[in-house]
Amino acid sequence: MKLILTAAVDNLGVPGDIVEVKAGYGRNFLLPRGYAIVATRNAEKQIQDIQRAQKAREIRDTDHAREVKAQLEQLTGVSIAVRTSDKGKLFGSVTADDIVDAVKKAGGPTLDKHNVKLAKGTVKATGSYQVDVKLHGDVTAPINFEVVSA
């Protein structure tokens, strides 16, 4: 079965790659989870869109990573509005996706959610938090953000 990957899959490829997999693996794992789409002639446009989005988030080299780190360190006003109880406890938790969106809304650079190092269940209440973003090799930048009640 020929598929086009829409997300990075371990030991298989990165978004935009055309791969040949067994029918069961593609039909039962990759397609239902949205990791791939069936390769057709019209899917070439989707490949280009995926690769263009991937290039926008990509950190090119160490110098570019340092520039992005400087932007992230100067960034202020990153806040995430979520539904909470009366005591300040969140309904659910804050994810890496939420953090990436908040950084972009605050005027920061476009980041890849997979590079945000957020332990599962870390953010469960309102307040100020800090997470690290691995930009390139040894370059890691901290992001300070605040979780507020919506």
C-alpha atoms as a PDB file:
ATOM      1  CA  MET A   1       0.000   0.000   0.000  1.00  0.00           C
ATOM      2  CA  LYS A   2       1.406   3.365  -1.035  1.00  0.00           C
ATOM      3  CA  LEU A   3       0.906   6.188   1.468  1.00  0.00           C
ATOM      4  CA  ILE A   4       2.012   9.769   1.994  1.00  0.00           C
ATOM      5  CA  LEU A   5       3.057  10.525   5.568  1.00  0.00           C
ATOM      6  CA  THR A   6       1.443  13.551   7.232  1.00  0.00           C
ATOM      7  CA  ALA A   7       3.378  13.173  10.501  1.00  0.00           C
ATOM      8  CA  ALA A   8       6.761  11.815  11.523  1.00  0.00           C
ATOM      9  CA  VAL A   9       6.596   8.058  12.181  1.00  0.00           C
ATOM     10  CA  ASP A  10       9.497   6.272  13.867  1.00  0.00           C
ATOM     11  CA  ASN A  11      11.445   3.954  11.555  1.00  0.00           C
ATOM     12  CA  LEU A  12       9.306   4.982   8.591  1.00  0.00           C
ATOM     13  CA  GLY A  13       9.775   8.624   7.576  1.00  0.00           C
ATOM     14  CA  VAL A  14       8.955  12.281   7.961  1.00  0.00           C
ATOM     15  CA  PRO A  15       5.944  14.282   6.736  1.00  0.00           C
ATOM     16  CA  GLY A  16       5.748  14.391   2.953  1.00  0.00           C
ATOM     17  CA  ASP A  17       7.532  11.082   2.360  1.00  0.00           C
ATOM     18  CA  ILE A  18       5.899   8.544   0.065  1.00  0.00           C
ATOM     19  CA  VAL A  19       6.240   5.109   1.654  1.00  0.00           C
ATOM     20  CA  GLU A  20       5.246   1.553   0.782  1.00  0.00           C
ATOM     21  CA  VAL A  21       3.812  -0.348   3.758  1.00  0.00           C
ATOM     22  CA  LYS A  22       1.830  -3.523   4.323  1.00  0.00           C
ATOM     23  CA  ALA A  23      -1.904  -3.038   3.830  1.00  0.00           C
ATOM     24  CA  GLY A  24      -2.830  -3.911   7.414  1.00  0.00           C
ATOM     25  CA  TYR A  25      -0.327  -1.477   8.947  1.00  0.00           C
ATOM     26  CA  GLY A  26      -1.546   1.325   6.728  1.00  0.00           C
ATOM     27  CA  ARG A  27      -5.256   0.572   7.038  1.00  0.00           C
ATOM     28  CA  ASN A  28      -5.318  -0.203  10.788  1.00  0.00           C
ATOM     29  CA  PHE A  29      -2.651   2.124  12.213  1.00  0.00           C
ATOM     30  CA  LEU A  30      -1.459   4.943   9.945  1.00  0.00           C
ATOM     31  CA  LEU A  31      -4.710   6.015   8.275  1.00  0.00           C
ATOM     32  CA  PRO A  32      -7.051   6.022  11.325  1.00  0.00           C
ATOM     33  CA  ARG A  33      -4.596   8.050  13.416  1.00  0.00           C
ATOM     34  CA  GLY A  34      -4.051  10.619  10.656  1.00  0.00           C
ATOM     35  CA  TYR A  35      -0.357   9.815  10.243  1.00  0.00           C
ATOM     36  CA  ALA A  36      -0.784   9.196   6.512  1.00  0.00           C
ATOM     37  CA  ILE A  37      -3.062   9.632   3.515  1.00  0.00           C
ATOM     38  CA  VAL A  38      -3.478   7.371   0.512  1.00  0.00           C
ATOM     39  CA  ALA A  39      -1.072   8.293  -2.296  1.00  0.00           C
ATOM     40  CA  THR A  40      -3.004   9.557  -5.319  1.00  0.00           C
ATOM     41  CA  ARG A  41      -2.223  11.941  -8.131  1.00  0.00           C
ATOM     42  CA  ASN A  42      -4.136  14.741  -6.390  1.00  0.00           C
ATOM     43  CA  ALA A  43      -2.211  14.155  -3.174  1.00  0.00           C
ATOM     44  CA  GLU A  44       0.907  15.820  -4.646  1.00  0.00           C
ATOM     45  CA  LYS A  45      -0.524  19.231  -3.732  1.00  0.00           C
ATOM     46  CA  GLN A  46      -0.973  18.040  -0.158  1.00  0.00           C
ATOM     47  CA  ILE A  47       2.663  16.890  -0.097  1.00  0.00           C
ATOM     48  CA  GLN A  48       3.800  20.358  -1.127  1.00  0.00           C
ATOM     49  CA  ASP A  49       1.631  21.993   1.573  1.00  0.00           C
ATOM     50  CA  ILE A  50       3.018  19.635   4.224  1.00  0.00           C
ATOM     51  CA  GLN A  51       6.607  20.295   3.192  1.00  0.00           C
ATOM     52  CA  ARG A  52       6.028  24.070   3.066  1.00  0.00           C
ATOM     53  CA  ALA A  53       4.599  24.047   6.616  1.00  0.00           C
ATOM     54  CA  GLN A  54       7.502  21.900   7.798  1.00  0.00           C
ATOM     55  CA  LYS A  55      10.059  24.309   6.305  1.00  0.00           C
ATOM     56  CA  ALA A  56       8.408  27.264   8.077  1.00  0.00           C
ATOM     57  CA  ARG A  57       8.924  25.581  11.474  1.00  0.00           C
ATOM     58  CA  GLU A  58      12.402  24.262  10.710  1.00  0.00           C
ATOM     59  CA  ILE A  59      15.476  25.631  12.469  1.00  0.00           C
ATOM     60  CA  ARG A  60      18.157  25.846   9.778  1.00  0.00           C
ATOM     61  CA  ASP A  61      21.406  25.968  11.770  1.00  0.00           C
ATOM     62  CA  THR A  62      22.929  26.924  15.103  1.00  0.00           C
ATOM     63  CA  ASP A  63      22.979  30.656  14.300  1.00  0.00           C
ATOM     64  CA  HIS A  64      19.278  30.601  13.406  1.00  0.00           C
ATOM     65  CA  ALA A  65      18.576  28.669  16.619  1.00  0.00           C
ATOM     66  CA  ARG A  66      20.356  31.357  18.651  1.00  0.00           C
ATOM     67  CA  GLU A  67      18.289  34.080  16.951  1.00  0.00           C
ATOM     68  CA  VAL A  68      15.065  32.232  17.776  1.00  0.00           C
ATOM     69  CA  LYS A  69      16.290  31.724  21.350  1.00  0.00           C
ATOM     70  CA  ALA A  70      16.882  35.483  21.704  1.00  0.00           C
ATOM     71  CA  GLN A  71      13.360  36.158  20.398  1.00  0.00           C
ATOM     72  CA  LEU A  72      11.862  33.697  22.886  1.00  0.00           C
ATOM     73  CA  GLU A  73      13.791  35.158  25.828  1.00  0.00           C
ATOM     74  CA  GLN A  74      12.525  38.676  25.037  1.00  0.00           C
ATOM     75  CA  LEU A  75       8.954  37.504  24.533  1.00  0.00           C
ATOM     76  CA  THR A  76       6.471  38.665  27.160  1.00  0.00           C
ATOM     77  CA  GLY A  77       2.732  38.392  27.533  1.00  0.00           C
ATOM     78  CA  VAL A  78       2.430  34.724  26.662  1.00  0.00           C
ATOM     79  CA  SER A  79      -0.800  33.608  28.296  1.00  0.00           C
ATOM     80  CA  ILE A  80      -3.077  30.645  27.817  1.00  0.00           C
ATOM     81  CA  ALA A  81      -6.756  31.040  28.710  1.00  0.00           C
ATOM     82  CA  VAL A  82      -8.409  27.804  29.828  1.00  0.00           C
ATOM     83  CA  ARG A  83     -11.576  26.731  31.600  1.00  0.00           C
ATOM     84  CA  THR A  84     -11.047  26.280  35.326  1.00  0.00           C
ATOM     85  CA  SER A  85     -12.939  25.446  38.481  1.00  0.00           C
ATOM     86  CA  ASP A  86     -13.591  28.001  41.219  1.00  0.00           C
ATOM     87  CA  LYS A  87     -10.389  26.907  42.983  1.00  0.00           C
ATOM     88  CA  GLY A  88      -8.184  27.456  39.910  1.00  0.00           C
ATOM     89  CA  LYS A  89      -7.851  23.801  38.870  1.00  0.00           C
ATOM     90  CA  LEU A  90      -7.958  23.212  35.122  1.00  0.00           C
ATOM     91  CA  PHE A  91     -10.479  21.056  33.330  1.00  0.00           C
ATOM     92  CA  GLY A  92      -7.869  18.979  31.475  1.00  0.00           C
ATOM     93  CA  SER A  93      -4.315  20.221  31.064  1.00  0.00           C
ATOM     94  CA  VAL A  94      -2.203  22.522  28.931  1.00  0.00           C
ATOM     95  CA  THR A  95      -0.500  20.810  25.986  1.00  0.00           C
ATOM     96  CA  ALA A  96       2.505  21.644  23.811  1.00  0.00           C
ATOM     97  CA  ASP A  97       0.060  22.678  21.071  1.00  0.00           C
ATOM     98  CA  ASP A  98      -1.479  25.269  23.387  1.00  0.00           C
ATOM     99  CA  ILE A  99       1.958  26.678  24.219  1.00  0.00           C
ATOM    100  CA  VAL A 100       3.009  26.914  20.555  1.00  0.00           C
ATOM    101  CA  ASP A 101      -0.246  28.728  19.694  1.00  0.00           C
ATOM    102  CA  ALA A 102       0.176  31.149  22.614  1.00  0.00           C
ATOM    103  CA  VAL A 103       3.759  31.964  21.572  1.00  0.00           C
ATOM    104  CA  LYS A 104       2.623  32.677  18.024  1.00  0.00           C
ATOM    105  CA  LYS A 105      -0.266  34.894  19.250  1.00  0.00           C
ATOM    106  CA  ALA A 106       2.165  36.843  21.462  1.00  0.00           C
ATOM    107  CA  GLY A 107       4.263  37.691  18.401  1.00  0.00           C
ATOM    108  CA  GLY A 108       6.894  34.998  18.800  1.00  0.00           C
ATOM    109  CA  PRO A 109       8.398  32.702  16.189  1.00  0.00           C
ATOM    110  CA  THR A 110       6.652  29.649  14.766  1.00  0.00           C
ATOM    111  CA  LEU A 111       7.716  26.568  16.728  1.00  0.00           C
ATOM    112  CA  ASP A 112       7.301  22.831  16.290  1.00  0.00           C
ATOM    113  CA  LYS A 113       5.174  21.322  19.042  1.00  0.00           C
ATOM    114  CA  HIS A 114       7.390  18.233  19.136  1.00  0.00           C
ATOM    115  CA  ASN A 115      10.332  20.322  20.353  1.00  0.00           C
ATOM    116  CA  VAL A 116       8.477  21.668  23.409  1.00  0.00           C
ATOM    117  CA  LYS A 117       9.627  19.660  26.436  1.00  0.00           C
ATOM    118  CA  LEU A 118       6.482  19.532  28.553  1.00  0.00           C
ATOM    119  CA  ALA A 119       6.013  16.604  30.896  1.00  0.00           C
ATOM    120  CA  LYS A 120       2.526  15.116  30.747  1.00  0.00           C
ATOM    121  CA  GLY A 121       0.222  16.568  33.392  1.00  0.00           C
ATOM    122  CA  THR A 122       2.695  19.262  34.467  1.00  0.00           C
ATOM    123  CA  VAL A 123       0.314  22.192  34.091  1.00  0.00           C
ATOM    124  CA  LYS A 124      -2.891  21.455  36.002  1.00  0.00           C
ATOM    125  CA  ALA A 125      -3.633  24.800  37.714  1.00  0.00           C
ATOM    126  CA  THR A 126      -3.530  28.517  36.944  1.00  0.00           C
ATOM    127  CA  GLY A 127      -0.260  30.360  37.498  1.00  0.00           C
ATOM    128  CA  SER A 128       3.127  31.034  35.902  1.00  0.00           C
ATOM    129  CA  TYR A 129       5.164  28.241  34.340  1.00  0.00           C
ATOM    130  CA  GLN A 130       8.330  27.716  32.333  1.00  0.00           C
ATOM    131  CA  VAL A 131       9.086  25.062  29.710  1.00  0.00           C
ATOM    132  CA  ASP A 132      12.110  24.421  27.528  1.00  0.00           C
ATOM    133  CA  VAL A 133      12.151  24.241  23.747  1.00  0.00           C
ATOM    134  CA  LYS A 134      14.935  22.285  22.080  1.00  0.00           C
ATOM    135  CA  LEU A 135      15.767  24.355  19.036  1.00  0.00           C
ATOM    136  CA  HIS A 136      18.910  22.760  17.602  1.00  0.00           C
ATOM    137  CA  GLY A 137      21.518  20.401  19.014  1.00  0.00           C
ATOM    138  CA  ASP A 138      22.682  22.051  22.235  1.00  0.00           C
ATOM    139  CA  VAL A 139      20.523  25.184  21.886  1.00  0.00           C
ATOM    140  CA  THR A 140      17.573  25.136  24.291  1.00  0.00           C
ATOM    141  CA  ALA A 141      15.386  28.142  25.047  1.00  0.00           C
ATOM    142  CA  PRO A 142      13.060  28.702  28.000  1.00  0.00           C
ATOM    143  CA  ILE A 143       9.506  29.947  27.481  1.00  0.00           C
ATOM    144  CA  ASN A 144       7.728  31.677  30.351  1.00  0.00           C
ATOM    145  CA  PHE A 145       3.958  31.596  30.125  1.00  0.00           C
ATOM    146  CA  GLU A 146       0.977  32.180  32.333  1.00  0.00           C
ATOM    147  CA  VAL A 147      -2.143  30.062  32.585  1.00  0.00           C
ATOM    148  CA  VAL A 148      -5.241  32.173  33.276  1.00  0.00           C
ATOM    149  CA  SER A 149      -8.902  31.379  33.765  1.00  0.00           C
ATOM    150  CA  ALA A 150     -11.059  31.949  30.697  1.00  0.00           C
END
